[in-house]
């Protein structure tokens, strides 16, 4: 009745299994979908790229969420389209900053905030809207500005030697 069971504790992982502290969070890319799911992902990615281009032109439509969604869909459906998007002169740097550093650069934030303030101010000043609608527009703009400033991480500028 007093049989002793061997007690073996393996806490943590060995040095061979543990990733290096300075290694980036590189995980294996997702395996591309096949069949109908692949077609749906490609179509969704193309629609998101179209909305991102519209967002780059139209001041009221955001660009960054559509680019990130397009990257998500392309990474799961077409590595070729994902490479094309990452090499895009308009969106490539934004995607690289997001994927490598998890944020956006300060000049992009400044431009976004200035654009939101300018467009909303002009809309409120030159449109004959009810006061309640103006308050809603101003409140949504304030939420957007706070999101850009306080929630989205800022990528620190690195100096090149």
Protein backbone atom coordinates (compact mmCIF):
# COMPACT_ATOMS: atom_id res chain seq x y z
CA UNK A 1 0.00 0.00 0.00
CA UNK A 2 2.97 2.29 0.49
CA UNK A 3 4.21 1.94 -3.05
CA UNK A 4 6.03 5.04 -4.13
CA UNK A 5 5.37 6.42 -7.56
CA UNK A 6 8.23 8.05 -9.36
CA UNK A 7 7.69 11.80 -9.51
CA UNK A 8 9.11 13.48 -12.53
CA UNK A 9 8.66 17.19 -13.13
CA UNK A 10 9.53 18.71 -16.46
CA UNK A 11 9.07 22.40 -15.99
CA UNK A 12 9.67 24.57 -19.03
CA UNK A 13 11.43 23.40 -22.14
CA UNK A 14 14.94 22.46 -22.94
CA UNK A 15 17.31 24.98 -24.50
CA UNK A 16 16.95 23.24 -27.85
CA UNK A 17 13.17 23.64 -27.87
CA UNK A 18 13.10 27.19 -26.55
CA UNK A 19 13.17 29.96 -29.23
CA UNK A 20 15.90 32.53 -28.99
CA UNK A 21 14.96 35.66 -27.04
CA UNK A 22 15.94 37.96 -29.88
CA UNK A 23 14.25 35.92 -32.62
CA UNK A 24 11.22 37.58 -34.21
CA UNK A 25 7.81 35.99 -33.80
CA UNK A 26 8.16 34.11 -37.05
CA UNK A 27 5.58 31.42 -37.42
CA UNK A 28 5.05 29.23 -40.40
CA UNK A 29 2.82 30.82 -43.01
CA UNK A 30 -0.69 29.43 -43.06
CA UNK A 31 -1.32 26.65 -45.52
CA UNK A 32 -3.27 28.04 -48.49
CA UNK A 33 -6.89 27.04 -48.71
CA UNK A 34 -8.12 24.97 -51.63
CA UNK A 35 -11.30 24.67 -53.62
CA UNK A 36 -14.24 26.96 -53.01
CA UNK A 37 -12.69 28.46 -49.87
CA UNK A 38 -9.64 29.56 -51.90
CA UNK A 39 -11.85 31.24 -54.52
CA UNK A 40 -13.83 33.01 -51.79
CA UNK A 41 -10.62 34.21 -50.08
CA UNK A 42 -9.17 35.49 -53.36
CA UNK A 43 -12.42 37.32 -54.17
CA UNK A 44 -12.60 38.82 -50.68
CA UNK A 45 -8.96 39.91 -50.95
CA UNK A 46 -9.55 41.58 -54.31
CA UNK A 47 -12.62 43.40 -52.96
CA UNK A 48 -10.59 44.56 -49.93
CA UNK A 49 -7.79 45.85 -52.18
CA UNK A 50 -10.38 47.75 -54.22
CA UNK A 51 -11.80 49.30 -51.05
CA UNK A 52 -8.28 50.14 -49.88
CA UNK A 53 -7.58 51.99 -53.15
CA UNK A 54 -10.87 53.85 -52.75
CA UNK A 55 -9.88 54.66 -49.17
CA UNK A 56 -6.62 56.13 -50.42
CA UNK A 57 -8.61 58.48 -52.66
CA UNK A 58 -11.76 59.17 -50.62
CA UNK A 59 -11.19 60.91 -47.30
CA UNK A 60 -14.08 59.29 -45.42
CA UNK A 61 -13.10 55.69 -46.14
CA UNK A 62 -10.21 54.16 -44.18
CA UNK A 63 -7.39 52.43 -46.02
CA UNK A 64 -5.43 50.47 -43.42
CA UNK A 65 -8.14 48.00 -42.29
CA UNK A 66 -8.87 47.02 -45.90
CA UNK A 67 -5.19 46.50 -46.67
CA UNK A 68 -4.75 44.32 -43.59
CA UNK A 69 -7.86 42.29 -44.46
CA UNK A 70 -6.65 41.84 -48.04
CA UNK A 71 -3.29 40.64 -46.71
CA UNK A 72 -5.10 38.18 -44.42
CA UNK A 73 -7.20 36.76 -47.26
CA UNK A 74 -4.28 36.56 -49.69
CA UNK A 75 -2.05 34.85 -47.12
CA UNK A 76 -4.65 32.10 -46.86
CA UNK A 77 -5.40 31.76 -50.56
CA UNK A 78 -2.60 32.95 -52.83
CA UNK A 79 1.03 33.51 -51.82
CA UNK A 80 1.56 35.18 -55.22
CA UNK A 81 -1.13 37.81 -54.54
CA UNK A 82 0.20 38.33 -51.02
CA UNK A 83 3.70 39.02 -52.43
CA UNK A 84 2.16 41.40 -54.97
CA UNK A 85 0.36 43.31 -52.21
CA UNK A 86 3.48 43.50 -50.01
CA UNK A 87 5.48 44.87 -52.96
CA UNK A 88 2.82 47.44 -53.82
CA UNK A 89 4.24 50.97 -53.89
CA UNK A 90 1.13 52.32 -52.16
CA UNK A 91 0.52 49.66 -49.49
CA UNK A 92 3.78 47.69 -49.24
CA UNK A 93 5.49 49.76 -46.56
CA UNK A 94 2.33 49.89 -44.44
CA UNK A 95 2.03 46.09 -44.57
CA UNK A 96 5.71 45.52 -43.84
CA UNK A 97 5.51 47.82 -40.80
CA UNK A 98 2.40 46.03 -39.55
CA UNK A 99 3.74 42.50 -40.09
CA UNK A 100 7.29 43.15 -38.87
CA UNK A 101 6.66 45.67 -36.08
CA UNK A 102 2.95 45.41 -35.28
CA UNK A 103 2.16 49.09 -35.84
CA UNK A 104 2.38 52.09 -38.16
CA UNK A 105 4.91 54.90 -38.43
CA UNK A 106 4.44 58.30 -36.80
CA UNK A 107 4.17 60.26 -40.11
CA UNK A 108 1.33 57.97 -41.21
CA UNK A 109 -0.45 58.61 -37.92
CA UNK A 110 0.03 62.37 -38.21
CA UNK A 111 -1.27 62.36 -41.78
CA UNK A 112 -4.31 60.25 -40.80
CA UNK A 113 -5.22 62.49 -37.86
CA UNK A 114 -4.79 65.67 -39.91
CA UNK A 115 -6.91 64.24 -42.70
CA UNK A 116 -9.70 63.21 -40.32
CA UNK A 117 -9.70 66.61 -38.60
CA UNK A 118 -9.70 68.49 -41.93
CA UNK A 119 -12.45 66.45 -43.59
CA UNK A 120 -14.70 66.39 -40.54
CA UNK A 121 -14.21 70.10 -39.88
CA UNK A 122 -15.06 70.98 -43.48
CA UNK A 123 -18.06 68.66 -43.43
CA UNK A 124 -19.39 70.19 -40.23
CA UNK A 125 -18.73 73.77 -41.34
CA UNK A 126 -20.10 73.66 -44.87
CA UNK A 127 -22.97 71.18 -44.63
CA UNK A 128 -26.39 72.13 -43.37
CA UNK A 129 -26.94 69.20 -41.02
CA UNK A 130 -29.02 68.86 -37.88
CA UNK A 131 -27.10 69.41 -34.66
CA UNK A 132 -27.60 65.77 -33.59
CA UNK A 133 -26.01 64.51 -36.83
CA UNK A 134 -23.09 66.91 -36.40
CA UNK A 135 -22.57 65.60 -32.86
CA UNK A 136 -22.58 62.00 -34.10
CA UNK A 137 -20.06 62.83 -36.85
CA UNK A 138 -17.82 64.66 -34.39
CA UNK A 139 -18.07 61.80 -31.88
CA UNK A 140 -17.16 59.19 -34.49
CA UNK A 141 -14.24 61.32 -35.63
CA UNK A 142 -13.04 61.60 -32.05
CA UNK A 143 -13.24 57.82 -31.64
CA UNK A 144 -11.24 57.37 -34.85
CA UNK A 145 -8.58 59.86 -33.75
CA UNK A 146 -8.27 58.26 -30.32
CA UNK A 147 -7.95 54.84 -31.94
CA UNK A 148 -5.15 56.06 -34.21
CA UNK A 149 -3.32 57.84 -31.41
CA UNK A 150 -3.79 55.53 -28.43
CA UNK A 151 -4.60 52.02 -29.64
CA UNK A 152 -2.64 51.51 -32.86
CA UNK A 153 1.04 51.04 -31.90
CA UNK A 154 3.63 53.44 -33.28
CA UNK A 155 6.66 52.00 -35.05
CA UNK A 156 9.84 53.61 -33.83
CA UNK A 157 11.94 55.11 -36.61
CA UNK A 158 15.23 53.31 -37.04
CA UNK A 159 18.24 55.28 -38.15
CA UNK A 160 20.38 53.81 -40.85
CA UNK A 161 24.16 54.15 -40.43
